[in-house]
N, C-alpha and C. Protein backbone atom coordinates (compact mmCIF):
# COMPACT_ATOMS: atom_id res chain seq x y z
N MET A 1 -2.64 14.62 -2.93
CA MET A 1 -2.56 15.82 -2.19
C MET A 1 -3.46 15.76 -0.92
N VAL A 2 -4.65 15.23 -1.17
CA VAL A 2 -5.59 15.09 0.00
C VAL A 2 -5.07 14.03 0.94
N ILE A 3 -4.45 12.98 0.44
CA ILE A 3 -3.92 11.91 1.33
C ILE A 3 -2.76 12.55 2.10
N ASN A 4 -1.88 13.28 1.51
CA ASN A 4 -0.76 13.85 2.26
C ASN A 4 -1.23 14.82 3.29
N PHE A 5 -2.29 15.62 3.00
CA PHE A 5 -2.85 16.55 4.03
C PHE A 5 -3.42 15.74 5.17
N PHE A 6 -4.10 14.67 4.85
CA PHE A 6 -4.67 13.80 5.88
C PHE A 6 -3.57 13.28 6.74
N GLY A 7 -2.51 12.82 6.15
CA GLY A 7 -1.39 12.25 6.87
C GLY A 7 -0.76 13.30 7.82
N PHE A 8 -0.60 14.50 7.28
CA PHE A 8 -0.07 15.60 8.06
C PHE A 8 -0.92 15.90 9.27
N VAL A 9 -2.20 15.96 9.11
CA VAL A 9 -3.16 16.31 10.14
C VAL A 9 -3.16 15.25 11.24
N ILE A 10 -3.31 14.00 10.80
CA ILE A 10 -3.42 12.88 11.72
C ILE A 10 -2.09 12.66 12.54
N ARG A 11 -0.99 12.91 11.93
CA ARG A 11 0.29 12.74 12.62
C ARG A 11 0.52 13.98 13.58
N LYS A 12 -0.03 15.14 13.24
CA LYS A 12 0.06 16.26 14.19
C LYS A 12 -0.88 16.02 15.40
N LEU A 13 -2.07 15.52 15.14
CA LEU A 13 -2.98 15.16 16.21
C LEU A 13 -2.45 14.13 17.20
N LEU A 14 -1.84 13.16 16.67
CA LEU A 14 -1.29 12.07 17.48
C LEU A 14 0.08 12.35 18.04
N GLY A 15 0.79 13.38 17.53
CA GLY A 15 2.11 13.68 17.99
C GLY A 15 3.17 12.71 17.50
N VAL A 16 3.01 12.34 16.29
CA VAL A 16 3.89 11.29 15.66
C VAL A 16 4.72 11.97 14.55
N GLU A 17 6.04 11.46 14.49
CA GLU A 17 6.86 11.95 13.42
C GLU A 17 6.41 11.57 12.04
N ARG A 18 6.66 12.36 10.99
CA ARG A 18 6.31 12.03 9.61
C ARG A 18 7.24 10.97 9.05
N LYS A 19 6.71 10.06 8.32
CA LYS A 19 7.58 9.04 7.66
C LYS A 19 7.50 9.22 6.14
N LYS A 20 8.58 8.73 5.46
CA LYS A 20 8.58 8.82 4.04
C LYS A 20 8.01 7.54 3.40
N TRP A 21 7.35 7.73 2.29
CA TRP A 21 6.82 6.58 1.50
C TRP A 21 7.94 5.88 0.79
N PHE A 22 7.85 4.59 0.66
CA PHE A 22 8.81 3.82 -0.04
C PHE A 22 10.24 3.94 0.42
N SER A 23 10.41 4.29 1.72
CA SER A 23 11.71 4.43 2.23
C SER A 23 12.21 3.13 2.84
N TYR A 24 13.49 3.04 3.15
CA TYR A 24 14.02 1.94 3.75
C TYR A 24 14.25 2.16 5.21
N ASN A 25 13.37 2.95 5.86
CA ASN A 25 13.46 3.20 7.31
C ASN A 25 12.70 2.09 8.03
N HIS A 26 13.45 1.10 8.31
CA HIS A 26 12.91 -0.10 9.05
C HIS A 26 13.09 0.06 10.54
N LEU A 27 12.15 -0.53 11.28
CA LEU A 27 12.22 -0.47 12.75
C LEU A 27 13.36 -1.24 13.37
N ASN A 28 13.56 -2.39 12.76
CA ASN A 28 14.59 -3.29 13.27
C ASN A 28 15.00 -4.23 12.11
N GLU A 29 15.90 -5.12 12.39
CA GLU A 29 16.42 -6.06 11.39
C GLU A 29 15.31 -7.02 10.89
N ARG A 30 14.46 -7.44 11.78
CA ARG A 30 13.31 -8.38 11.43
C ARG A 30 12.47 -7.66 10.41
N HIS A 31 12.08 -6.40 10.68
CA HIS A 31 11.26 -5.62 9.73
C HIS A 31 11.92 -5.54 8.44
N LYS A 32 13.22 -5.27 8.38
CA LYS A 32 13.95 -5.17 7.15
C LYS A 32 13.88 -6.46 6.32
N LYS A 33 14.06 -7.58 6.99
CA LYS A 33 14.02 -8.90 6.27
C LYS A 33 12.61 -9.13 5.79
N LEU A 34 11.61 -8.98 6.59
CA LEU A 34 10.23 -9.25 6.21
C LEU A 34 9.76 -8.29 5.07
N ASP A 35 10.22 -7.03 5.11
CA ASP A 35 9.86 -6.10 4.11
C ASP A 35 10.48 -6.49 2.79
N TRP A 36 11.78 -6.89 2.77
CA TRP A 36 12.39 -7.34 1.52
C TRP A 36 11.79 -8.64 1.05
N LEU A 37 11.34 -9.50 1.91
CA LEU A 37 10.71 -10.74 1.46
C LEU A 37 9.36 -10.39 0.74
N VAL A 38 8.60 -9.48 1.34
CA VAL A 38 7.32 -9.04 0.66
C VAL A 38 7.61 -8.40 -0.71
N ARG A 39 8.69 -7.52 -0.79
CA ARG A 39 8.98 -6.93 -2.09
C ARG A 39 9.42 -7.93 -3.14
N ILE A 40 10.24 -8.81 -2.73
CA ILE A 40 10.69 -9.88 -3.65
C ILE A 40 9.54 -10.71 -4.12
N PHE A 41 8.62 -11.13 -3.23
CA PHE A 41 7.49 -11.89 -3.53
C PHE A 41 6.67 -11.21 -4.56
N PHE A 42 6.36 -9.89 -4.38
CA PHE A 42 5.51 -9.20 -5.29
C PHE A 42 6.19 -8.93 -6.64
N VAL A 43 7.51 -8.80 -6.71
CA VAL A 43 8.17 -8.69 -7.95
C VAL A 43 8.02 -9.96 -8.77
N ILE A 44 8.26 -11.10 -8.09
CA ILE A 44 8.03 -12.45 -8.76
C ILE A 44 6.64 -12.59 -9.18
N LEU A 45 5.68 -12.16 -8.38
CA LEU A 45 4.32 -12.22 -8.76
C LEU A 45 4.00 -11.40 -10.00
N LEU A 46 4.61 -10.22 -10.10
CA LEU A 46 4.47 -9.38 -11.26
C LEU A 46 5.06 -10.05 -12.52
N PHE A 47 6.13 -10.68 -12.37
CA PHE A 47 6.73 -11.39 -13.54
C PHE A 47 5.84 -12.56 -13.95
N ILE A 48 5.35 -13.32 -12.96
CA ILE A 48 4.36 -14.39 -13.40
C ILE A 48 3.14 -13.84 -14.00
N SER A 49 2.56 -12.73 -13.48
CA SER A 49 1.38 -12.13 -14.05
C SER A 49 1.67 -11.64 -15.42
N ASN A 50 2.78 -11.07 -15.64
CA ASN A 50 3.16 -10.55 -16.99
C ASN A 50 3.32 -11.73 -18.03
N TYR A 51 3.95 -12.81 -17.59
CA TYR A 51 4.04 -13.98 -18.40
C TYR A 51 2.75 -14.60 -18.77
N TYR A 52 1.86 -14.70 -17.75
CA TYR A 52 0.52 -15.25 -17.98
C TYR A 52 -0.32 -14.38 -18.88
N THR A 53 -0.23 -13.07 -18.77
CA THR A 53 -0.98 -12.10 -19.54
C THR A 53 -0.48 -12.21 -21.04
N ASN A 54 0.82 -12.25 -21.18
CA ASN A 54 1.33 -12.14 -22.55
C ASN A 54 1.33 -13.46 -23.33
N TYR A 55 1.41 -14.64 -22.63
CA TYR A 55 1.54 -15.87 -23.30
C TYR A 55 0.31 -16.74 -23.04
N ASN A 56 -0.79 -16.26 -22.76
CA ASN A 56 -2.00 -17.08 -22.48
C ASN A 56 -2.81 -17.08 -23.79
N ASP A 57 -3.22 -18.21 -24.19
CA ASP A 57 -4.07 -18.34 -25.41
C ASP A 57 -5.50 -17.88 -25.23
N ILE A 58 -5.91 -17.86 -24.02
CA ILE A 58 -7.29 -17.49 -23.76
C ILE A 58 -7.38 -16.00 -23.81
N LEU A 59 -8.50 -15.50 -24.50
CA LEU A 59 -8.69 -14.06 -24.57
C LEU A 59 -9.12 -13.51 -23.22
N GLY A 60 -8.48 -12.43 -22.91
CA GLY A 60 -8.79 -11.77 -21.64
C GLY A 60 -7.91 -12.38 -20.51
N THR A 61 -7.89 -11.65 -19.41
CA THR A 61 -7.15 -12.12 -18.26
C THR A 61 -8.12 -11.89 -17.08
N TYR A 62 -7.68 -12.58 -15.97
CA TYR A 62 -8.47 -12.41 -14.73
C TYR A 62 -8.06 -11.07 -14.06
N TRP A 63 -8.96 -10.47 -13.39
CA TRP A 63 -8.67 -9.19 -12.70
C TRP A 63 -7.56 -9.26 -11.70
N TYR A 64 -7.38 -10.39 -11.07
CA TYR A 64 -6.33 -10.49 -10.04
C TYR A 64 -4.97 -10.72 -10.66
N PHE A 65 -4.86 -10.89 -11.99
CA PHE A 65 -3.57 -10.92 -12.61
C PHE A 65 -3.14 -9.56 -13.23
N GLU A 66 -4.01 -8.57 -13.09
CA GLU A 66 -3.73 -7.28 -13.59
C GLU A 66 -2.67 -6.60 -12.80
N THR A 67 -1.79 -5.87 -13.43
CA THR A 67 -0.74 -5.24 -12.76
C THR A 67 -1.26 -4.25 -11.68
N TRP A 68 -2.20 -3.43 -12.00
CA TRP A 68 -2.74 -2.44 -11.00
C TRP A 68 -3.21 -3.13 -9.71
N PHE A 69 -3.85 -4.23 -9.83
CA PHE A 69 -4.32 -4.97 -8.68
C PHE A 69 -3.16 -5.50 -7.83
N ILE A 70 -2.12 -6.05 -8.48
CA ILE A 70 -0.98 -6.62 -7.75
C ILE A 70 -0.23 -5.49 -7.00
N ILE A 71 -0.17 -4.31 -7.63
CA ILE A 71 0.48 -3.16 -6.96
C ILE A 71 -0.28 -2.66 -5.83
N ILE A 72 -1.61 -2.60 -5.93
CA ILE A 72 -2.46 -2.22 -4.81
C ILE A 72 -2.37 -3.15 -3.62
N VAL A 73 -2.32 -4.44 -3.93
CA VAL A 73 -2.21 -5.45 -2.84
C VAL A 73 -0.80 -5.39 -2.27
N PHE A 74 0.23 -5.12 -3.07
CA PHE A 74 1.56 -4.88 -2.49
C PHE A 74 1.62 -3.69 -1.57
N LEU A 75 1.07 -2.65 -1.90
CA LEU A 75 1.05 -1.41 -1.11
C LEU A 75 0.35 -1.67 0.27
N ILE A 76 -0.84 -2.37 0.17
CA ILE A 76 -1.57 -2.67 1.39
C ILE A 76 -0.76 -3.57 2.28
N THR A 77 -0.25 -4.63 1.65
CA THR A 77 0.53 -5.59 2.47
C THR A 77 1.73 -4.95 3.12
N SER A 78 2.44 -4.11 2.32
CA SER A 78 3.57 -3.39 2.90
C SER A 78 3.26 -2.50 4.10
N GLU A 79 2.19 -1.80 3.92
CA GLU A 79 1.72 -0.83 4.95
C GLU A 79 1.18 -1.67 6.17
N LEU A 80 0.56 -2.74 5.95
CA LEU A 80 0.09 -3.62 7.06
C LEU A 80 1.32 -4.15 7.86
N LEU A 81 2.29 -4.57 7.10
CA LEU A 81 3.54 -5.02 7.75
C LEU A 81 4.20 -3.93 8.55
N ARG A 82 4.27 -2.71 8.06
CA ARG A 82 4.81 -1.61 8.85
C ARG A 82 3.96 -1.26 10.02
N THR A 83 2.62 -1.37 9.91
CA THR A 83 1.68 -1.12 10.98
C THR A 83 1.88 -2.16 12.12
N PHE A 84 2.06 -3.37 11.74
CA PHE A 84 2.29 -4.46 12.76
C PHE A 84 3.57 -4.24 13.45
N MET A 85 4.60 -3.89 12.68
CA MET A 85 5.94 -3.69 13.33
C MET A 85 5.93 -2.48 14.20
N GLU A 86 5.26 -1.42 13.82
CA GLU A 86 5.22 -0.30 14.69
C GLU A 86 4.40 -0.56 15.92
N TRP A 87 3.33 -1.30 15.80
CA TRP A 87 2.56 -1.74 16.95
C TRP A 87 3.38 -2.54 17.96
N LYS A 88 4.21 -3.49 17.34
CA LYS A 88 5.00 -4.38 18.22
C LYS A 88 6.28 -3.78 18.73
N TYR A 89 7.05 -2.93 17.92
CA TYR A 89 8.35 -2.57 18.27
C TYR A 89 8.64 -1.06 18.38
N ALA A 90 7.73 -0.19 17.93
CA ALA A 90 8.05 1.21 17.93
C ALA A 90 8.05 1.90 19.31
N GLU A 91 8.90 2.88 19.51
CA GLU A 91 9.00 3.55 20.73
C GLU A 91 7.63 4.35 21.05
N ASN A 92 7.21 5.08 20.04
CA ASN A 92 5.87 5.78 20.19
C ASN A 92 4.77 4.88 19.71
N LYS A 93 4.01 4.34 20.60
CA LYS A 93 2.98 3.40 20.26
C LYS A 93 1.79 3.97 19.42
N LYS A 94 1.82 5.31 19.20
CA LYS A 94 0.72 5.96 18.41
C LYS A 94 1.16 5.94 16.91
N ASP A 95 2.37 5.48 16.56
CA ASP A 95 2.90 5.39 15.22
C ASP A 95 1.95 4.48 14.42
N PHE A 96 1.53 3.38 14.91
CA PHE A 96 0.80 2.36 14.16
C PHE A 96 -0.64 2.84 13.89
N ILE A 97 -1.12 3.67 14.80
CA ILE A 97 -2.50 4.23 14.59
C ILE A 97 -2.50 5.28 13.41
N ALA A 98 -1.41 6.05 13.40
CA ALA A 98 -1.30 6.99 12.23
C ALA A 98 -1.08 6.24 10.90
N THR A 99 -0.27 5.26 10.92
CA THR A 99 0.02 4.47 9.64
C THR A 99 -1.26 3.81 9.22
N LEU A 100 -2.00 3.16 10.15
CA LEU A 100 -3.20 2.42 9.81
C LEU A 100 -4.30 3.45 9.32
N SER A 101 -4.36 4.63 9.98
CA SER A 101 -5.36 5.61 9.58
C SER A 101 -5.06 6.11 8.13
N GLU A 102 -3.75 6.34 7.88
CA GLU A 102 -3.38 6.89 6.52
C GLU A 102 -3.69 5.83 5.48
N MET A 103 -3.44 4.49 5.80
CA MET A 103 -3.67 3.46 4.88
C MET A 103 -5.18 3.31 4.57
N LEU A 104 -5.98 3.31 5.59
CA LEU A 104 -7.41 3.20 5.40
C LEU A 104 -8.04 4.41 4.70
N PHE A 105 -7.52 5.54 4.90
CA PHE A 105 -7.98 6.69 4.17
C PHE A 105 -7.55 6.65 2.74
N ALA A 106 -6.33 6.26 2.44
CA ALA A 106 -5.96 6.08 1.04
C ALA A 106 -6.74 5.05 0.33
N ILE A 107 -7.04 3.97 0.97
CA ILE A 107 -7.86 2.92 0.31
C ILE A 107 -9.32 3.43 0.13
N SER A 108 -9.79 4.22 1.03
CA SER A 108 -11.13 4.78 0.87
C SER A 108 -11.18 5.78 -0.31
N ILE A 109 -10.18 6.56 -0.44
CA ILE A 109 -10.09 7.45 -1.53
C ILE A 109 -9.92 6.76 -2.86
N LEU A 110 -9.10 5.73 -2.88
CA LEU A 110 -8.94 4.96 -4.17
C LEU A 110 -10.24 4.31 -4.51
N PHE A 111 -10.97 3.59 -3.52
CA PHE A 111 -12.21 3.01 -3.82
C PHE A 111 -13.21 3.92 -4.28
N LEU A 112 -13.35 5.07 -3.60
CA LEU A 112 -14.29 6.12 -4.03
C LEU A 112 -14.01 6.63 -5.46
N THR A 113 -12.76 6.77 -5.79
CA THR A 113 -12.34 7.28 -7.10
C THR A 113 -12.74 6.27 -8.14
N ILE A 114 -12.48 5.04 -7.89
CA ILE A 114 -12.83 4.00 -8.88
C ILE A 114 -14.30 3.83 -9.08
N VAL A 115 -15.08 3.82 -7.93
CA VAL A 115 -16.49 3.56 -7.97
C VAL A 115 -17.25 4.76 -8.72
N THR A 116 -16.76 5.92 -8.52
CA THR A 116 -17.42 7.16 -9.07
C THR A 116 -16.86 7.52 -10.45
N ASP A 117 -16.07 6.62 -11.06
CA ASP A 117 -15.48 6.93 -12.30
C ASP A 117 -14.64 8.24 -12.27
N PHE A 118 -13.79 8.32 -11.32
CA PHE A 118 -12.88 9.47 -11.13
C PHE A 118 -13.86 10.68 -10.92
N PHE A 119 -14.85 10.57 -10.02
CA PHE A 119 -15.72 11.65 -9.73
C PHE A 119 -16.43 12.23 -10.97
N GLY A 120 -16.75 11.45 -11.89
CA GLY A 120 -17.56 11.76 -13.02
C GLY A 120 -16.74 12.35 -14.14
N LEU A 121 -15.39 12.44 -13.91
CA LEU A 121 -14.57 13.06 -14.97
C LEU A 121 -14.49 12.20 -16.27
N PHE A 122 -14.56 10.86 -16.11
CA PHE A 122 -14.51 9.96 -17.26
C PHE A 122 -15.85 9.37 -17.53
N ASN A 123 -16.92 10.07 -17.39
CA ASN A 123 -18.24 9.57 -17.65
C ASN A 123 -18.49 9.86 -19.12
N ILE A 124 -18.33 8.83 -19.89
CA ILE A 124 -18.39 9.00 -21.38
C ILE A 124 -19.64 8.24 -21.80
């Protein structure tokens, strides 16, 4: 909710249209191809991670094979690709600033939430 409010405010300040998350609104054909390449790569990475986690004889797994980490890296990569494509090809050049600001704010909130144990809610 805080992230959505931030996105609304930053887009109003910059005069940029609102975009949908996880949408297939690509800027051009190149963006569409690169986006699908990123998605397919991360799906394959999730399958490899799942296989490694389930069929590894060693107790425990590495943090970079965890599903949550792969999904966070996917979201960051996908948003960085969108930011680059907006910077390069969008009609309104302020689009990439709004996208980058939203992504950095979301990462900050996520990091803050993890570091503070969900703001002390899970302090057991």
